[in-house]
Amino acid sequence: KAHQAIALLVKRGTVRVILTTNFDRLMEQALAEE
């Protein structure tokens, strides 16, 4: 749900840059879903 909410914040224009120390692609997947 956090990934999905961050993706919504990106869609809104509130978040422009995401720094992550994770190796996975969950953030990219959530963004693609939006």
PDB file of all heavy atoms in Angstrom:
ATOM      1  N   LYS A   1       0.833  -1.201   0.000  1.00  0.00           N
ATOM      2  CA  LYS A   1       0.000   0.000   0.000  1.00  0.00           C
ATOM      3  C   LYS A   1       0.867   1.250   0.000  1.00  0.00           C
ATOM      4  O   LYS A   1       0.501   2.273  -0.568  1.00  0.00           O
ATOM      5  CB  LYS A   1      -0.934  -0.012   1.214  1.00  0.00           C
ATOM      6  CG  LYS A   1      -2.002  -1.082   1.128  1.00  0.00           C
ATOM      7  CD  LYS A   1      -2.874  -1.078   2.370  1.00  0.00           C
ATOM      8  CE  LYS A   1      -3.938  -2.166   2.277  1.00  0.00           C
ATOM      9  NZ  LYS A   1      -4.762  -2.238   3.494  1.00  0.00           N
ATOM     10  N   ALA A   2       2.043   1.163   0.646  1.00  0.00           N
ATOM     11  CA  ALA A   2       2.966   2.307   0.649  1.00  0.00           C
ATOM     12  C   ALA A   2       3.462   2.593  -0.768  1.00  0.00           C
ATOM     13  O   ALA A   2       3.480   3.746  -1.210  1.00  0.00           O
ATOM     14  CB  ALA A   2       4.143   2.040   1.582  1.00  0.00           C
ATOM     15  N   HIS A   3       3.871   1.546  -1.488  1.00  0.00           N
ATOM     16  CA  HIS A   3       4.309   1.735  -2.877  1.00  0.00           C
ATOM     17  C   HIS A   3       3.194   2.384  -3.700  1.00  0.00           C
ATOM     18  O   HIS A   3       3.434   3.315  -4.475  1.00  0.00           O
ATOM     19  CB  HIS A   3       4.667   0.387  -3.523  1.00  0.00           C
ATOM     20  CG  HIS A   3       5.889  -0.263  -2.998  1.00  0.00           C
ATOM     21  ND1 HIS A   3       5.862  -1.417  -2.257  1.00  0.00           N
ATOM     22  CD2 HIS A   3       7.204   0.074  -3.109  1.00  0.00           C
ATOM     23  CE1 HIS A   3       7.084  -1.769  -1.946  1.00  0.00           C
ATOM     24  NE2 HIS A   3       7.930  -0.878  -2.434  1.00  0.00           N
ATOM     25  N   GLN A   4       1.979   1.880  -3.537  1.00  0.00           N
ATOM     26  CA  GLN A   4       0.847   2.382  -4.314  1.00  0.00           C
ATOM     27  C   GLN A   4       0.538   3.838  -3.967  1.00  0.00           C
ATOM     28  O   GLN A   4       0.239   4.653  -4.852  1.00  0.00           O
ATOM     29  CB  GLN A   4      -0.370   1.488  -4.085  1.00  0.00           C
ATOM     30  CG  GLN A   4      -0.179   0.089  -4.656  1.00  0.00           C
ATOM     31  CD  GLN A   4      -1.147  -0.935  -4.104  1.00  0.00           C
ATOM     32  OE1 GLN A   4      -1.841  -0.697  -3.127  1.00  0.00           O
ATOM     33  NE2 GLN A   4      -1.201  -2.106  -4.736  1.00  0.00           N
ATOM     34  N   ALA A   5       0.626   4.177  -2.675  1.00  0.00           N
ATOM     35  CA  ALA A   5       0.363   5.558  -2.254  1.00  0.00           C
ATOM     36  C   ALA A   5       1.441   6.505  -2.780  1.00  0.00           C
ATOM     37  O   ALA A   5       1.144   7.625  -3.204  1.00  0.00           O
ATOM     38  CB  ALA A   5       0.267   5.641  -0.735  1.00  0.00           C
ATOM     39  N   ILE A   6       2.692   6.058  -2.779  1.00  0.00           N
ATOM     40  CA  ILE A   6       3.776   6.885  -3.316  1.00  0.00           C
ATOM     41  C   ILE A   6       3.556   7.107  -4.813  1.00  0.00           C
ATOM     42  O   ILE A   6       3.755   8.217  -5.324  1.00  0.00           O
ATOM     43  CB  ILE A   6       5.152   6.240  -3.040  1.00  0.00           C
ATOM     44  CG1 ILE A   6       5.438   6.251  -1.536  1.00  0.00           C
ATOM     45  CG2 ILE A   6       6.258   6.967  -3.803  1.00  0.00           C
ATOM     46  CD1 ILE A   6       6.634   5.408  -1.128  1.00  0.00           C
ATOM     47  N   ALA A   7       3.113   6.060  -5.508  1.00  0.00           N
ATOM     48  CA  ALA A   7       2.820   6.204  -6.941  1.00  0.00           C
ATOM     49  C   ALA A   7       1.731   7.249  -7.168  1.00  0.00           C
ATOM     50  O   ALA A   7       1.807   8.038  -8.122  1.00  0.00           O
ATOM     51  CB  ALA A   7       2.411   4.852  -7.529  1.00  0.00           C
ATOM     52  N   LEU A   8       0.730   7.281  -6.298  1.00  0.00           N
ATOM     53  CA  LEU A   8      -0.324   8.300  -6.411  1.00  0.00           C
ATOM     54  C   LEU A   8       0.238   9.697  -6.150  1.00  0.00           C
ATOM     55  O   LEU A   8      -0.180  10.672  -6.775  1.00  0.00           O
ATOM     56  CB  LEU A   8      -1.465   7.995  -5.437  1.00  0.00           C
ATOM     57  CG  LEU A   8      -2.346   6.788  -5.798  1.00  0.00           C
ATOM     58  CD1 LEU A   8      -3.332   6.505  -4.675  1.00  0.00           C
ATOM     59  CD2 LEU A   8      -3.079   7.019  -7.115  1.00  0.00           C
ATOM     60  N   LEU A   9       1.192   9.802  -5.210  1.00  0.00           N
ATOM     61  CA  LEU A   9       1.831  11.096  -4.931  1.00  0.00           C
ATOM     62  C   LEU A   9       2.645  11.564  -6.135  1.00  0.00           C
ATOM     63  O   LEU A   9       2.712  12.760  -6.424  1.00  0.00           O
ATOM     64  CB  LEU A   9       2.716  10.995  -3.686  1.00  0.00           C
ATOM     65  CG  LEU A   9       1.988  10.784  -2.363  1.00  0.00           C
ATOM     66  CD1 LEU A   9       2.980  10.486  -1.240  1.00  0.00           C
ATOM     67  CD2 LEU A   9       1.132  11.995  -2.008  1.00  0.00           C
ATOM     68  N   VAL A  10       3.256  10.614  -6.835  1.00  0.00           N
ATOM     69  CA  VAL A  10       3.979  10.955  -8.068  1.00  0.00           C
ATOM     70  C   VAL A  10       2.989  11.427  -9.127  1.00  0.00           C
ATOM     71  O   VAL A  10       3.208  12.441  -9.795  1.00  0.00           O
ATOM     72  CB  VAL A  10       4.797   9.746  -8.576  1.00  0.00           C
ATOM     73  CG1 VAL A  10       5.361  10.019  -9.970  1.00  0.00           C
ATOM     74  CG2 VAL A  10       5.924   9.411  -7.608  1.00  0.00           C
ATOM     75  N   LYS A  11       1.889  10.701  -9.277  1.00  0.00           N
ATOM     76  CA  LYS A  11       0.870  11.058 -10.269  1.00  0.00           C
ATOM     77  C   LYS A  11       0.319  12.450  -9.999  1.00  0.00           C
ATOM     78  O   LYS A  11       0.035  13.220 -10.922  1.00  0.00           O
ATOM     79  CB  LYS A  11      -0.255  10.020 -10.221  1.00  0.00           C
ATOM     80  CG  LYS A  11      -1.233  10.110 -11.360  1.00  0.00           C
ATOM     81  CD  LYS A  11      -2.204   8.923 -11.311  1.00  0.00           C
ATOM     82  CE  LYS A  11      -3.095   8.904 -12.523  1.00  0.00           C
ATOM     83  NZ  LYS A  11      -3.986   7.721 -12.505  1.00  0.00           N
ATOM     84  N   ARG A  12       0.179  12.787  -8.722  1.00  0.00           N
ATOM     85  CA  ARG A  12      -0.327  14.105  -8.319  1.00  0.00           C
ATOM     86  C   ARG A  12       0.706  15.198  -8.611  1.00  0.00           C
ATOM     87  O   ARG A  12       0.379  16.372  -8.716  1.00  0.00           O
ATOM     88  CB  ARG A  12      -0.657  14.064  -6.821  1.00  0.00           C
ATOM     89  CG  ARG A  12      -1.221  15.344  -6.255  1.00  0.00           C
ATOM     90  CD  ARG A  12      -1.442  15.199  -4.745  1.00  0.00           C
ATOM     91  NE  ARG A  12      -2.091  16.379  -4.223  1.00  0.00           N
ATOM     92  CZ  ARG A  12      -1.449  17.467  -3.803  1.00  0.00           C
ATOM     93  NH1 ARG A  12      -0.138  17.514  -3.869  1.00  0.00           N
ATOM     94  NH2 ARG A  12      -2.120  18.494  -3.339  1.00  0.00           N
ATOM     95  N   GLY A  13       1.995  14.820  -8.693  1.00  0.00           N
ATOM     96  CA  GLY A  13       3.061  15.799  -8.905  1.00  0.00           C
ATOM     97  C   GLY A  13       3.746  16.226  -7.630  1.00  0.00           C
ATOM     98  O   GLY A  13       4.614  17.101  -7.641  1.00  0.00           O
ATOM     99  N   THR A  14       3.383  15.599  -6.512  1.00  0.00           N
ATOM    100  CA  THR A  14       3.971  15.959  -5.220  1.00  0.00           C
ATOM    101  C   THR A  14       5.366  15.380  -5.064  1.00  0.00           C
ATOM    102  O   THR A  14       6.255  16.016  -4.503  1.00  0.00           O
ATOM    103  CB  THR A  14       3.074  15.446  -4.071  1.00  0.00           C
ATOM    104  OG1 THR A  14       1.765  15.974  -4.249  1.00  0.00           O
ATOM    105  CG2 THR A  14       3.599  15.855  -2.721  1.00  0.00           C
ATOM    106  N   VAL A  15       5.559  14.164  -5.544  1.00  0.00           N
ATOM    107  CA  VAL A  15       6.853  13.483  -5.455  1.00  0.00           C
ATOM    108  C   VAL A  15       7.438  13.381  -6.854  1.00  0.00           C
ATOM    109  O   VAL A  15       6.759  12.959  -7.785  1.00  0.00           O
ATOM    110  CB  VAL A  15       6.691  12.076  -4.824  1.00  0.00           C
ATOM    111  CG1 VAL A  15       7.997  11.286  -4.927  1.00  0.00           C
ATOM    112  CG2 VAL A  15       6.244  12.183  -3.373  1.00  0.00           C
ATOM    113  N   ARG A  16       8.709  13.788  -6.983  1.00  0.00           N
ATOM    114  CA  ARG A  16       9.371  13.754  -8.300  1.00  0.00           C
ATOM    115  C   ARG A  16      10.587  12.822  -8.308  1.00  0.00           C
ATOM    116  O   ARG A  16      10.966  12.313  -9.353  1.00  0.00           O
ATOM    117  CB  ARG A  16       9.847  15.164  -8.672  1.00  0.00           C
ATOM    118  CG  ARG A  16       8.755  16.221  -8.748  1.00  0.00           C
ATOM    119  CD  ARG A  16       7.968  16.162 -10.024  1.00  0.00           C
ATOM    120  NE  ARG A  16       8.777  16.275 -11.216  1.00  0.00           N
ATOM    121  CZ  ARG A  16       9.187  17.420 -11.738  1.00  0.00           C
ATOM    122  NH1 ARG A  16       8.865  18.568 -11.174  1.00  0.00           N
ATOM    123  NH2 ARG A  16       9.910  17.426 -12.840  1.00  0.00           N
ATOM    124  N   VAL A  17      11.211  12.639  -7.146  1.00  0.00           N
ATOM    125  CA  VAL A  17      12.416  11.816  -7.050  1.00  0.00           C
ATOM    126  C   VAL A  17      12.224  10.821  -5.917  1.00  0.00           C
ATOM    127  O   VAL A  17      11.799  11.185  -4.818  1.00  0.00           O
ATOM    128  CB  VAL A  17      13.673  12.684  -6.782  1.00  0.00           C
ATOM    129  CG1 VAL A  17      14.919  11.811  -6.653  1.00  0.00           C
ATOM    130  CG2 VAL A  17      13.869  13.718  -7.879  1.00  0.00           C
ATOM    131  N   ILE A  18      12.536   9.565  -6.192  1.00  0.00           N
ATOM    132  CA  ILE A  18      12.444   8.506  -5.188  1.00  0.00           C
ATOM    133  C   ILE A  18      13.824   7.882  -5.046  1.00  0.00           C
ATOM    134  O   ILE A  18      14.404   7.398  -6.026  1.00  0.00           O
ATOM    135  CB  ILE A  18      11.421   7.429  -5.600  1.00  0.00           C
ATOM    136  CG1 ILE A  18      10.028   8.044  -5.735  1.00  0.00           C
ATOM    137  CG2 ILE A  18      11.421   6.275  -4.599  1.00  0.00           C
ATOM    138  CD1 ILE A  18       9.015   7.143  -6.411  1.00  0.00           C
ATOM    139  N   LEU A  19      14.360   7.912  -3.832  1.00  0.00           N
ATOM    140  CA  LEU A  19      15.618   7.231  -3.535  1.00  0.00           C
ATOM    141  C   LEU A  19      15.268   5.930  -2.828  1.00  0.00           C
ATOM    142  O   LEU A  19      14.478   5.936  -1.884  1.00  0.00           O
ATOM    143  CB  LEU A  19      16.492   8.075  -2.598  1.00  0.00           C
ATOM    144  CG  LEU A  19      16.914   9.454  -3.080  1.00  0.00           C
ATOM    145  CD1 LEU A  19      17.648  10.187  -1.968  1.00  0.00           C
ATOM    146  CD2 LEU A  19      17.789   9.353  -4.309  1.00  0.00           C
ATOM    147  N   THR A  20      15.855   4.837  -3.255  1.00  0.00           N
ATOM    148  CA  THR A  20      15.609   3.573  -2.576  1.00  0.00           C
ATOM    149  C   THR A  20      16.906   2.792  -2.442  1.00  0.00           C
ATOM    150  O   THR A  20      17.775   2.852  -3.306  1.00  0.00           O
ATOM    151  CB  THR A  20      14.541   2.731  -3.311  1.00  0.00           C
ATOM    152  OG1 THR A  20      14.342   1.497  -2.606  1.00  0.00           O
ATOM    153  CG2 THR A  20      14.934   2.435  -4.747  1.00  0.00           C
ATOM    154  N   THR A  21      17.015   2.057  -1.346  1.00  0.00           N
ATOM    155  CA  THR A  21      18.157   1.167  -1.141  1.00  0.00           C
ATOM    156  C   THR A  21      17.759  -0.271  -1.465  1.00  0.00           C
ATOM    157  O   THR A  21      18.556  -1.185  -1.268  1.00  0.00           O
ATOM    158  CB  THR A  21      18.663   1.259   0.314  1.00  0.00           C
ATOM    159  OG1 THR A  21      17.585   0.933   1.206  1.00  0.00           O
ATOM    160  CG2 THR A  21      19.188   2.652   0.637  1.00  0.00           C
ATOM    161  N   ASN A  22      16.539  -0.474  -1.946  1.00  0.00           N
ATOM    162  CA  ASN A  22      16.052  -1.829  -2.257  1.00  0.00           C
ATOM    163  C   ASN A  22      16.486  -2.256  -3.653  1.00  0.00           C
ATOM    164  O   ASN A  22      16.578  -1.445  -4.567  1.00  0.00           O
ATOM    165  CB  ASN A  22      14.532  -1.882  -2.158  1.00  0.00           C
ATOM    166  CG  ASN A  22      14.040  -1.660  -0.744  1.00  0.00           C
ATOM    167  OD1 ASN A  22      14.801  -1.780   0.212  1.00  0.00           O
ATOM    168  ND2 ASN A  22      12.784  -1.345  -0.601  1.00  0.00           N
ATOM    169  N   PHE A  23      16.693  -3.571  -3.810  1.00  0.00           N
ATOM    170  CA  PHE A  23      17.065  -4.137  -5.106  1.00  0.00           C
ATOM    171  C   PHE A  23      15.846  -4.475  -5.954  1.00  0.00           C
ATOM    172  O   PHE A  23      15.963  -4.698  -7.151  1.00  0.00           O
ATOM    173  CB  PHE A  23      17.855  -5.445  -4.924  1.00  0.00           C
ATOM    174  CG  PHE A  23      19.086  -5.316  -4.077  1.00  0.00           C
ATOM    175  CD1 PHE A  23      19.277  -6.159  -2.995  1.00  0.00           C
ATOM    176  CD2 PHE A  23      20.050  -4.374  -4.363  1.00  0.00           C
ATOM    177  CE1 PHE A  23      20.414  -6.063  -2.218  1.00  0.00           C
ATOM    178  CE2 PHE A  23      21.197  -4.271  -3.597  1.00  0.00           C
ATOM    179  CZ  PHE A  23      21.385  -5.119  -2.511  1.00  0.00           C
ATOM    180  N   ASP A  24      14.675  -4.589  -5.335  1.00  0.00           N
ATOM    181  CA  ASP A  24      13.486  -5.072  -6.048  1.00  0.00           C
ATOM    182  C   ASP A  24      12.943  -4.011  -7.003  1.00  0.00           C
ATOM    183  O   ASP A  24      13.445  -2.894  -7.070  1.00  0.00           O
ATOM    184  CB  ASP A  24      12.404  -5.524  -5.062  1.00  0.00           C
ATOM    185  CG  ASP A  24      11.934  -4.375  -4.165  1.00  0.00           C
ATOM    186  OD1 ASP A  24      11.516  -3.329  -4.695  1.00  0.00           O
ATOM    187  OD2 ASP A  24      11.973  -4.535  -2.923  1.00  0.00           O
ATOM    188  N   ARG A  25      11.883  -4.383  -7.726  1.00  0.00           N
ATOM    189  CA  ARG A  25      11.272  -3.480  -8.698  1.00  0.00           C
ATOM    190  C   ARG A  25       9.834  -3.154  -8.327  1.00  0.00           C
ATOM    191  O   ARG A  25       9.013  -2.817  -9.188  1.00  0.00           O
ATOM    192  CB  ARG A  25      11.325  -4.125 -10.089  1.00  0.00           C
ATOM    193  CG  ARG A  25      12.751  -4.279 -10.581  1.00  0.00           C
ATOM    194  CD  ARG A  25      12.818  -4.881 -11.934  1.00  0.00           C
ATOM    195  NE  ARG A  25      14.189  -4.744 -12.449  1.00  0.00           N
ATOM    196  CZ  ARG A  25      14.553  -5.131 -13.644  1.00  0.00           C
ATOM    197  NH1 ARG A  25      13.666  -5.671 -14.473  1.00  0.00           N
ATOM    198  NH2 ARG A  25      15.793  -4.987 -14.039  1.00  0.00           N
ATOM    199  N   LEU A  26       9.523  -3.232  -7.033  1.00  0.00           N
ATOM    200  CA  LEU A  26       8.151  -3.001  -6.594  1.00  0.00           C
ATOM    201  C   LEU A  26       7.720  -1.551  -6.801  1.00  0.00           C
ATOM    202  O   LEU A  26       6.572  -1.288  -7.154  1.00  0.00           O
ATOM    203  CB  LEU A  26       7.989  -3.413  -5.125  1.00  0.00           C
ATOM    204  CG  LEU A  26       8.194  -4.902  -4.835  1.00  0.00           C
ATOM    205  CD1 LEU A  26       8.102  -5.174  -3.342  1.00  0.00           C
ATOM    206  CD2 LEU A  26       7.183  -5.748  -5.605  1.00  0.00           C
ATOM    207  N   MET A  27       8.636  -0.607  -6.602  1.00  0.00           N
ATOM    208  CA  MET A  27       8.283   0.796  -6.795  1.00  0.00           C
ATOM    209  C   MET A  27       7.991   1.057  -8.271  1.00  0.00           C
ATOM    210  O   MET A  27       7.006   1.721  -8.607  1.00  0.00           O
ATOM    211  CB  MET A  27       9.417   1.704  -6.308  1.00  0.00           C
ATOM    212  CG  MET A  27       9.035   3.170  -6.210  1.00  0.00           C
ATOM    213  SD  MET A  27       7.811   3.505  -4.931  1.00  0.00           S
ATOM    214  CE  MET A  27       6.370   3.873  -5.904  1.00  0.00           C
ATOM    215  N   GLU A  28       8.818   0.524  -9.134  1.00  0.00           N
ATOM    216  CA  GLU A  28       8.594   0.704 -10.565  1.00  0.00           C
ATOM    217  C   GLU A  28       7.271   0.062 -10.992  1.00  0.00           C
ATOM    218  O   GLU A  28       6.541   0.598 -11.823  1.00  0.00           O
ATOM    219  CB  GLU A  28       9.745   0.097 -11.376  1.00  0.00           C
ATOM    220  CG  GLU A  28      11.085   0.791 -11.167  1.00  0.00           C
ATOM    221  CD  GLU A  28      11.970   0.091 -10.153  1.00  0.00           C
ATOM    222  OE1 GLU A  28      11.526  -0.096  -8.993  1.00  0.00           O
ATOM    223  OE2 GLU A  28      13.096  -0.278 -10.507  1.00  0.00           O
ATOM    224  N   GLN A  29       6.956  -1.091 -10.404  1.00  0.00           N
ATOM    225  CA  GLN A  29       5.707  -1.780 -10.732  1.00  0.00           C
ATOM    226  C   GLN A  29       4.500  -0.953 -10.297  1.00  0.00           C
ATOM    227  O   GLN A  29       3.526  -0.817 -11.039  1.00  0.00           O
ATOM    228  CB  GLN A  29       5.687  -3.153 -10.045  1.00  0.00           C
ATOM    229  CG  GLN A  29       4.528  -4.030 -10.456  1.00  0.00           C
ATOM    230  CD  GLN A  29       4.586  -5.401  -9.791  1.00  0.00           C
ATOM    231  OE1 GLN A  29       5.646  -5.892  -9.430  1.00  0.00           O
ATOM    232  NE2 GLN A  29       3.432  -6.009  -9.628  1.00  0.00           N
ATOM    233  N   ALA A  30       4.565  -0.378  -9.080  1.00  0.00           N
ATOM    234  CA  ALA A  30       3.461   0.459  -8.598  1.00  0.00           C
ATOM    235  C   ALA A  30       3.286   1.684  -9.484  1.00  0.00           C
ATOM    236  O   ALA A  30       2.155   2.101  -9.775  1.00  0.00           O
ATOM    237  CB  ALA A  30       3.711   0.874  -7.148  1.00  0.00           C
ATOM    238  N   LEU A  31       4.383   2.276  -9.927  1.00  0.00           N
ATOM    239  CA  LEU A  31       4.310   3.436 -10.818  1.00  0.00           C
ATOM    240  C   LEU A  31       3.693   3.042 -12.160  1.00  0.00           C
ATOM    241  O   LEU A  31       2.848   3.762 -12.695  1.00  0.00           O
ATOM    242  CB  LEU A  31       5.706   4.026 -11.024  1.00  0.00           C
ATOM    243  CG  LEU A  31       6.327   4.727  -9.812  1.00  0.00           C
ATOM    244  CD1 LEU A  31       7.817   4.950 -10.018  1.00  0.00           C
ATOM    245  CD2 LEU A  31       5.618   6.041  -9.521  1.00  0.00           C
ATOM    246  N   ALA A  32       4.089   1.887 -12.674  1.00  0.00           N
ATOM    247  CA  ALA A  32       3.546   1.421 -13.956  1.00  0.00           C
ATOM    248  C   ALA A  32       2.036   1.214 -13.859  1.00  0.00           C
ATOM    249  O   ALA A  32       1.300   1.497 -14.814  1.00  0.00           O
ATOM    250  CB  ALA A  32       4.237   0.130 -14.378  1.00  0.00           C
ATOM    251  N   GLU A  33       1.560   0.743 -12.703  1.00  0.00           N
ATOM    252  CA  GLU A  33       0.125   0.530 -12.512  1.00  0.00           C
ATOM    253  C   GLU A  33      -0.656   1.845 -12.556  1.00  0.00           C
ATOM    254  O   GLU A  33      -1.859   1.854 -12.818  1.00  0.00           O
ATOM    255  CB  GLU A  33      -0.126  -0.199 -11.188  1.00  0.00           C
ATOM    256  CG  GLU A  33       0.309  -1.664 -11.229  1.00  0.00           C
ATOM    257  CD  GLU A  33       0.304  -2.338  -9.869  1.00  0.00           C
ATOM    258  OE1 GLU A  33      -0.119  -1.695  -8.861  1.00  0.00           O
ATOM    259  OE2 GLU A  33       0.739  -3.503  -9.780  1.00  0.00           O
ATOM    260  N   GLU A  34       0.031   2.959 -12.321  1.00  0.00           N
ATOM    261  CA  GLU A  34      -0.592   4.284 -12.413  1.00  0.00           C
ATOM    262  C   GLU A  34      -0.294   4.956 -13.754  1.00  0.00           C
ATOM    263  O   GLU A  34      -0.540   6.151 -13.930  1.00  0.00           O
ATOM    264  CB  GLU A  34      -0.114   5.177 -11.260  1.00  0.00           C
ATOM    265  CG  GLU A  34      -0.611   4.758  -9.888  1.00  0.00           C
ATOM    266  CD  GLU A  34      -2.130   4.789  -9.780  1.00  0.00           C
ATOM    267  OE1 GLU A  34      -2.772   5.629 -10.439  1.00  0.00           O
ATOM    268  OE2 GLU A  34      -2.685   3.954  -9.032  1.00  0.00           O
TER     269      GLU A  34
END
